[in-house]
Amino acid sequence: LSVGLGELADKDWEAVGHTVEEPGKAVGTGVTTKAATELGLVTGTAVSTSLIDAHAGALGMLACNHPSSEDVVGRLGLVSGTSTCHMLLSKDPVFVPGVWGPFWSAVLPGMWLMEGGQSCTGGLIDHVLHNHVAFKQLEEEAAESGESVYKVLEESLDKIAKDQDLSDATFLTKSLHMWPDYHGNRSPLADPTLTGGVVGLTLQADVNSLAIMYLATIQAISYGTRHIIDTLVQQGHMVNSVTVCGGLANSALYLRTQADVLSMQVVVPKEQQSVLLGAAMLGMAASNQFGGLEQVVKGIRGGVEVVEPNMETRNFHGAKYEVFKEMVKDQL
């Protein structure tokens, strides 16, 4: 009431109700006859309590056959797109500054959910590409080759690294650093006034310079994930792997960079529609034919691809991460 929402208490909390149900709990008597006719379903088909889309994605990712452990605690889930949500389950309610939660039974009954996030990730990549002077040339090269602009950029990075006699394209950003909060910081600083920054710009304006800027952007996004993880761990949480779904899971460079920056496995479910899978799992639990939601999670076990970190880049990313943290101090 002290935050100005006193009206929610009007009429005995009529606006929000008194009953809170867990995910996967059947509600009502299922699909009504009218809805069943309109949707082509069977009257009485089970209807589950709902989840936020990103939370459904986290649930769907939990159903993958994780290579290290069946324990869901410690597995950070990234639902990536224009922005990215970072979700972590915990057995205990551990508060973390700049991270939402803990939320009780928000994804799995009996577990606490922590939710961090980055305000712009895929959106930032698109912004950086489209606002570079060489983007039109990049589109022309992609059209000629029949490949995506991202594929052309990644091939360019490999060629530049080879020309410079570098063992890995990662090292091309030695003198180029980015703070990626072009749309404020959601986690772990929770400061919407923060803005982006780039250090190391030159007069180079060709596709090669765009490729290196693309790489620096993906690295900066990955350092943002590390910043969130470091904050979670400092407050007592455990993070031992990262699972990724959404648009950025299609980028090999993004997945490899996350693994290298975090020095941990990055797991990608082969089922790409984790949000839809999570929603389907809720329905399975509500039908009461497959056990509760925990049993549904254990019973699916979809396949995964695993990206292992390249430890040869660890010191490089460690040094750049220190620069990353220094960059924000100029704004605070």
Protein backbone atom coordinates (compact mmCIF):
# COMPACT_ATOMS: atom_id res chain seq x y z
CA LEU A 1 0.00 0.00 0.00
CA SER A 2 2.94 2.31 0.66
CA VAL A 3 3.83 2.34 -3.06
CA GLY A 4 0.52 3.85 -4.13
CA LEU A 5 -1.43 0.71 -5.04
CA GLY A 6 -3.97 0.91 -2.28
CA GLU A 7 -6.84 0.60 -4.73
CA LEU A 8 -5.95 -3.05 -5.21
CA ALA A 9 -7.36 -3.69 -1.75
CA ASP A 10 -10.78 -2.25 -2.69
CA LYS A 11 -13.75 -4.59 -2.49
CA ASP A 12 -11.80 -7.23 -0.60
CA TRP A 13 -8.99 -7.44 -3.19
CA GLU A 14 -11.44 -8.11 -6.02
CA ALA A 15 -8.97 -6.82 -8.67
CA VAL A 16 -6.28 -9.41 -7.91
CA GLY A 17 -8.16 -12.13 -6.04
CA HIS A 18 -7.15 -14.26 -3.07
CA THR A 19 -6.08 -17.53 -4.67
CA VAL A 20 -2.64 -18.12 -6.18
CA GLU A 21 -2.19 -21.40 -8.06
CA GLU A 22 1.07 -23.07 -9.01
CA PRO A 23 2.20 -23.54 -12.64
CA GLY A 24 0.67 -26.60 -14.27
CA LYS A 25 -2.42 -26.60 -12.06
CA ALA A 26 -5.69 -27.29 -13.88
CA VAL A 27 -8.15 -24.40 -13.64
CA GLY A 28 -11.91 -24.54 -13.95
CA THR A 29 -13.46 -27.44 -15.83
CA GLY A 30 -11.31 -27.07 -18.93
CA VAL A 31 -12.19 -25.70 -22.36
CA THR A 32 -15.81 -24.66 -22.65
CA THR A 33 -18.08 -25.98 -25.39
CA LYS A 34 -18.09 -22.59 -27.14
CA ALA A 35 -14.30 -22.27 -27.07
CA ALA A 36 -13.83 -25.89 -28.12
CA THR A 37 -16.04 -25.33 -31.17
CA GLU A 38 -14.18 -22.18 -32.19
CA LEU A 39 -10.72 -23.69 -31.65
CA GLY A 40 -11.36 -27.19 -32.91
CA LEU A 41 -10.70 -28.76 -29.51
CA VAL A 42 -12.53 -31.23 -27.29
CA THR A 43 -14.83 -29.80 -24.63
CA GLY A 44 -13.22 -30.20 -21.22
CA THR A 45 -9.62 -30.22 -22.51
CA ALA A 46 -7.45 -29.30 -19.53
CA VAL A 47 -6.47 -25.65 -19.16
CA SER A 48 -3.43 -24.81 -17.01
CA THR A 49 -2.51 -21.78 -15.02
CA SER A 50 -0.43 -19.53 -17.26
CA LEU A 51 3.16 -18.30 -17.24
CA ILE A 52 4.87 -15.19 -18.55
CA ASP A 53 6.37 -15.99 -21.97
CA ALA A 54 9.98 -15.85 -20.77
CA HIS A 55 9.13 -18.02 -17.78
CA ALA A 56 7.55 -20.57 -20.12
CA GLY A 57 10.80 -20.49 -22.11
CA ALA A 58 12.77 -21.18 -18.94
CA LEU A 59 10.49 -24.12 -18.21
CA GLY A 60 10.97 -25.46 -21.75
CA MET A 61 14.75 -25.22 -21.42
CA LEU A 62 14.66 -27.21 -18.18
CA ALA A 63 13.26 -30.13 -20.17
CA CYS A 64 16.47 -30.61 -22.14
CA ASN A 65 18.86 -33.48 -21.46
CA HIS A 66 21.52 -31.44 -19.67
CA PRO A 67 25.00 -32.99 -20.08
CA SER A 68 26.23 -32.26 -16.57
CA SER A 69 23.37 -32.67 -14.12
CA GLU A 70 19.64 -33.26 -13.83
CA ASP A 71 19.53 -30.77 -10.96
CA VAL A 72 17.84 -27.59 -12.19
CA VAL A 73 19.57 -25.46 -9.55
CA GLY A 74 22.62 -23.67 -10.95
CA ARG A 75 21.49 -23.75 -14.59
CA LEU A 76 21.09 -20.15 -15.77
CA GLY A 77 18.55 -19.87 -18.59
CA LEU A 78 18.83 -17.11 -21.20
CA VAL A 79 15.71 -16.35 -23.22
CA SER A 80 17.17 -14.16 -25.94
CA GLY A 81 15.68 -11.90 -28.54
CA THR A 82 15.49 -8.11 -28.83
CA SER A 83 16.33 -8.19 -25.12
CA THR A 84 17.40 -11.09 -22.91
CA CYS A 85 16.00 -12.51 -19.67
CA HIS A 86 18.39 -14.35 -17.33
CA MET A 87 16.56 -16.83 -15.11
CA LEU A 88 17.89 -18.95 -12.30
CA LEU A 89 16.09 -21.34 -9.94
CA SER A 90 17.04 -21.60 -6.28
CA LYS A 91 15.94 -23.71 -3.33
CA ASP A 92 16.23 -20.72 -1.00
CA PRO A 93 14.99 -17.10 -1.24
CA VAL A 94 18.25 -15.21 -1.77
CA PHE A 95 17.79 -11.53 -2.62
CA VAL A 96 20.16 -9.95 -5.15
CA PRO A 97 20.41 -6.19 -5.82
CA GLY A 98 19.44 -5.37 -9.40
CA VAL A 99 17.86 -8.79 -10.03
CA TRP A 100 14.11 -9.33 -9.78
CA GLY A 101 12.79 -11.82 -7.28
CA PRO A 102 12.98 -14.18 -5.60
CA PHE A 103 9.56 -15.32 -6.87
CA TRP A 104 8.03 -18.39 -5.23
CA SER A 105 6.87 -21.20 -7.56
CA ALA A 106 7.03 -18.89 -10.57
CA VAL A 107 8.40 -21.58 -12.93
CA LEU A 108 8.52 -24.83 -10.95
CA PRO A 109 6.44 -25.49 -7.83
CA GLY A 110 8.51 -25.24 -4.69
CA MET A 111 11.43 -23.38 -6.30
CA TRP A 112 12.41 -19.72 -6.11
CA LEU A 113 13.05 -17.81 -9.35
CA MET A 114 15.59 -15.04 -9.84
CA GLU A 115 15.20 -12.97 -13.00
CA GLY A 116 17.85 -10.66 -14.33
CA GLY A 117 18.00 -9.19 -17.79
CA GLN A 118 19.59 -7.01 -20.44
CA SER A 119 17.39 -4.33 -21.98
CA CYS A 120 18.79 -4.65 -25.49
CA THR A 121 20.79 -7.53 -26.96
CA GLY A 122 19.51 -8.65 -30.35
CA GLY A 123 18.11 -5.13 -30.67
CA LEU A 124 21.56 -3.69 -29.99
CA ILE A 125 23.20 -5.91 -32.62
CA ASP A 126 20.67 -4.76 -35.22
CA HIS A 127 21.16 -1.12 -34.19
CA VAL A 128 24.95 -1.34 -34.51
CA LEU A 129 24.78 -3.03 -37.91
CA HIS A 130 22.13 -0.79 -39.47
CA ASN A 131 23.82 2.41 -38.33
CA HIS A 132 27.24 1.56 -39.74
CA VAL A 133 28.19 3.24 -43.02
CA ALA A 134 29.19 -0.12 -44.54
CA PHE A 135 25.89 -1.88 -43.87
CA LYS A 136 24.57 -1.35 -47.40
CA GLN A 137 27.76 -2.85 -48.83
CA LEU A 138 27.37 -5.77 -46.40
CA GLU A 139 23.82 -6.39 -47.64
CA GLU A 140 25.05 -6.41 -51.24
CA GLU A 141 27.78 -8.93 -50.45
CA ALA A 142 25.28 -11.13 -48.59
CA ALA A 143 22.86 -11.03 -51.52
CA GLU A 144 25.61 -11.97 -53.98
CA SER A 145 26.76 -14.92 -51.86
CA GLY A 146 23.27 -16.07 -50.88
CA GLU A 147 24.25 -15.97 -47.21
CA SER A 148 22.95 -13.96 -44.26
CA VAL A 149 24.70 -10.75 -43.27
CA TYR A 150 25.75 -12.46 -40.04
CA LYS A 151 27.41 -15.30 -41.92
CA VAL A 152 29.29 -12.83 -44.11
CA LEU A 153 30.49 -10.94 -41.02
CA GLU A 154 31.69 -14.10 -39.30
CA GLU A 155 33.55 -15.22 -42.43
CA SER A 156 35.11 -11.76 -42.62
CA LEU A 157 36.31 -12.06 -39.01
CA ASP A 158 38.01 -15.37 -39.74
CA LYS A 159 39.72 -13.90 -42.81
CA ILE A 160 40.91 -10.80 -40.95
CA ALA A 161 42.28 -12.95 -38.13
CA LYS A 162 44.13 -15.13 -40.62
CA ASP A 163 45.56 -12.10 -42.40
CA GLN A 164 46.79 -10.74 -39.06
CA ASP A 165 48.22 -14.13 -38.08
CA LEU A 166 45.94 -14.39 -35.03
CA SER A 167 45.06 -17.79 -33.61
CA ASP A 168 41.46 -16.72 -32.95
CA ALA A 169 39.23 -13.92 -34.26
CA THR A 170 38.38 -13.13 -30.63
CA PHE A 171 41.60 -11.12 -30.35
CA LEU A 172 40.58 -8.64 -33.07
CA THR A 173 38.90 -6.42 -30.45
CA LYS A 174 42.01 -5.85 -28.37
CA SER A 175 41.66 -2.07 -28.78
CA LEU A 176 37.88 -1.85 -29.20
CA HIS A 177 35.67 -1.84 -26.12
CA MET A 178 31.91 -1.33 -25.67
CA TRP A 179 29.52 -0.67 -22.79
CA PRO A 180 26.28 -2.09 -24.25
CA ASP A 181 23.56 -0.31 -22.26
CA TYR A 182 22.15 1.74 -25.12
CA HIS A 183 18.71 1.35 -23.50
CA GLY A 184 19.64 1.53 -19.81
CA ASN A 185 20.77 -1.25 -17.49
CA ARG A 186 18.24 -3.70 -16.13
CA SER A 187 20.66 -5.99 -14.27
CA PRO A 188 22.68 -5.91 -12.17
CA LEU A 189 22.81 -2.10 -11.84
CA ALA A 190 19.08 -1.43 -12.34
CA ASP A 191 19.75 2.03 -13.77
CA PRO A 192 17.61 3.13 -16.73
CA THR A 193 19.65 6.31 -17.16
CA LEU A 194 22.81 4.51 -18.27
CA THR A 195 23.80 4.84 -21.92
CA GLY A 196 26.09 2.97 -24.27
CA GLY A 197 29.70 3.78 -25.00
CA VAL A 198 32.47 2.71 -27.36
CA VAL A 199 36.22 3.22 -26.94
CA GLY A 200 38.70 2.56 -29.73
CA LEU A 201 36.97 3.95 -32.82
CA THR A 202 39.00 4.75 -35.95
CA LEU A 203 38.28 6.29 -39.36
CA GLN A 204 37.99 2.82 -40.93
CA ALA A 205 34.55 2.49 -42.53
CA ASP A 206 34.53 -0.74 -44.55
CA VAL A 207 32.87 -4.11 -44.01
CA ASN A 208 35.90 -5.32 -42.08
CA SER A 209 35.46 -2.53 -39.52
CA LEU A 210 31.78 -3.42 -39.28
CA ALA A 211 32.68 -7.07 -38.67
CA ILE A 212 34.99 -6.13 -35.81
CA MET A 213 32.34 -3.83 -34.34
CA TYR A 214 29.85 -6.71 -34.60
CA LEU A 215 32.28 -8.90 -32.66
CA ALA A 216 32.84 -6.22 -30.02
CA THR A 217 29.07 -5.90 -29.57
CA ILE A 218 28.59 -9.62 -29.00
CA GLN A 219 31.50 -9.63 -26.56
CA ALA A 220 30.03 -6.68 -24.66
CA ILE A 221 26.67 -8.45 -24.39
CA SER A 222 28.49 -11.51 -23.04
CA TYR A 223 30.38 -9.40 -20.49
CA GLY A 224 26.96 -8.13 -19.40
CA THR A 225 25.90 -11.73 -18.75
CA ARG A 226 29.09 -12.28 -16.75
CA HIS A 227 28.33 -9.12 -14.75
CA ILE A 228 24.92 -10.56 -13.84
CA ILE A 229 26.37 -13.97 -12.95
CA ASP A 230 29.11 -12.43 -10.80
CA THR A 231 26.48 -10.50 -8.86
CA LEU A 232 24.32 -13.59 -8.36
CA VAL A 233 27.30 -15.61 -7.12
CA GLN A 234 28.48 -12.83 -4.81
CA GLN A 235 25.10 -12.95 -3.07
CA GLY A 236 25.25 -16.71 -2.57
CA HIS A 237 23.72 -18.26 -5.69
CA MET A 238 25.36 -21.03 -7.70
CA VAL A 239 25.72 -20.84 -11.49
CA ASN A 240 27.45 -23.73 -13.24
CA SER A 241 26.15 -23.59 -16.82
CA VAL A 242 24.12 -21.49 -19.23
CA THR A 243 21.26 -22.67 -21.44
CA VAL A 244 20.17 -20.43 -24.32
CA CYS A 245 17.01 -20.26 -26.41
CA GLY A 246 15.57 -17.62 -28.72
CA GLY A 247 16.94 -15.79 -31.72
CA LEU A 248 20.53 -15.42 -30.52
CA ALA A 249 20.76 -19.20 -30.06
CA ASN A 250 21.06 -19.34 -33.86
CA SER A 251 24.36 -17.43 -33.78
CA ALA A 252 27.40 -19.68 -33.42
CA LEU A 253 29.55 -16.63 -32.68
CA TYR A 254 27.25 -15.51 -29.85
CA LEU A 255 27.16 -18.99 -28.27
CA ARG A 256 30.92 -19.45 -28.57
CA THR A 257 31.60 -15.99 -27.14
CA GLN A 258 29.27 -16.57 -24.18
CA ALA A 259 31.04 -19.86 -23.41
CA ASP A 260 34.49 -18.27 -23.68
CA VAL A 261 33.64 -15.18 -21.62
CA LEU A 262 31.93 -17.19 -18.88
CA SER A 263 34.41 -20.10 -18.95
CA MET A 264 31.52 -22.53 -18.75
CA GLN A 265 29.39 -24.76 -20.96
CA VAL A 266 26.65 -23.18 -23.04
CA VAL A 267 23.80 -25.59 -23.72
CA VAL A 268 21.38 -25.13 -26.63
CA PRO A 269 18.19 -27.24 -26.74
CA LYS A 270 17.57 -28.80 -30.15
CA GLU A 271 13.91 -27.90 -29.68
CA GLN A 272 14.13 -24.26 -30.72
CA GLN A 273 10.66 -23.24 -29.55
CA SER A 274 11.30 -23.41 -25.81
CA VAL A 275 8.48 -20.99 -24.99
CA LEU A 276 5.91 -23.11 -26.86
CA LEU A 277 7.33 -26.28 -25.31
CA GLY A 278 6.99 -24.76 -21.85
CA ALA A 279 3.37 -23.87 -22.55
CA ALA A 280 2.69 -27.40 -23.80
CA MET A 281 4.28 -28.83 -20.64
CA LEU A 282 1.87 -26.80 -18.52
CA GLY A 283 -1.01 -28.39 -20.42
CA MET A 284 0.50 -31.85 -19.93
CA ALA A 285 0.69 -31.29 -16.18
CA ALA A 286 -2.83 -29.90 -16.04
CA SER A 287 -4.20 -32.97 -17.86
CA ASN A 288 -3.02 -35.12 -14.93
CA GLN A 289 -1.96 -37.86 -17.36
CA PHE A 290 1.80 -37.39 -17.01
CA GLY A 291 2.21 -36.54 -13.33
CA GLY A 292 2.94 -33.11 -11.92
CA LEU A 293 5.05 -30.46 -13.63
CA GLU A 294 8.28 -31.81 -12.11
CA GLN A 295 7.54 -35.25 -13.60
CA VAL A 296 6.75 -33.70 -16.97
CA VAL A 297 10.12 -31.89 -16.95
CA LYS A 298 11.98 -35.10 -16.13
CA GLY A 299 10.05 -37.11 -18.69
CA ILE A 300 10.75 -35.06 -21.83
CA ARG A 301 14.55 -34.74 -21.86
CA GLY A 302 15.05 -33.30 -25.34
CA GLY A 303 18.39 -33.32 -27.11
CA VAL A 304 20.97 -30.55 -26.82
CA GLU A 305 24.07 -29.13 -28.44
CA VAL A 306 26.89 -28.17 -26.08
CA VAL A 307 29.41 -25.39 -26.71
CA GLU A 308 32.58 -25.80 -24.65
CA PRO A 309 34.69 -22.77 -23.69
CA ASN A 310 38.01 -22.11 -25.40
CA MET A 311 40.30 -21.60 -22.43
CA GLU A 312 42.99 -20.03 -24.64
CA THR A 313 40.90 -16.84 -24.72
CA ARG A 314 40.26 -16.75 -20.97
CA ASN A 315 42.96 -14.23 -20.04
CA PHE A 316 42.03 -11.98 -22.96
CA HIS A 317 38.37 -11.89 -21.94
CA GLY A 318 39.36 -11.43 -18.32
CA ALA A 319 41.34 -8.31 -19.20
CA LYS A 320 38.56 -6.94 -21.40
CA TYR A 321 36.00 -7.61 -18.67
CA GLU A 322 37.99 -5.40 -16.32
CA VAL A 323 37.90 -2.62 -18.94
CA PHE A 324 34.15 -3.26 -19.31
CA LYS A 325 33.55 -2.65 -15.60
CA GLU A 326 35.69 0.48 -15.63
CA MET A 327 33.69 1.99 -18.52
CA VAL A 328 30.49 2.27 -16.52
CA LYS A 329 32.24 4.09 -13.66
CA ASP A 330 32.51 7.17 -15.87
CA GLN A 331 28.70 7.40 -15.86
CA LEU A 332 28.03 6.62 -12.20
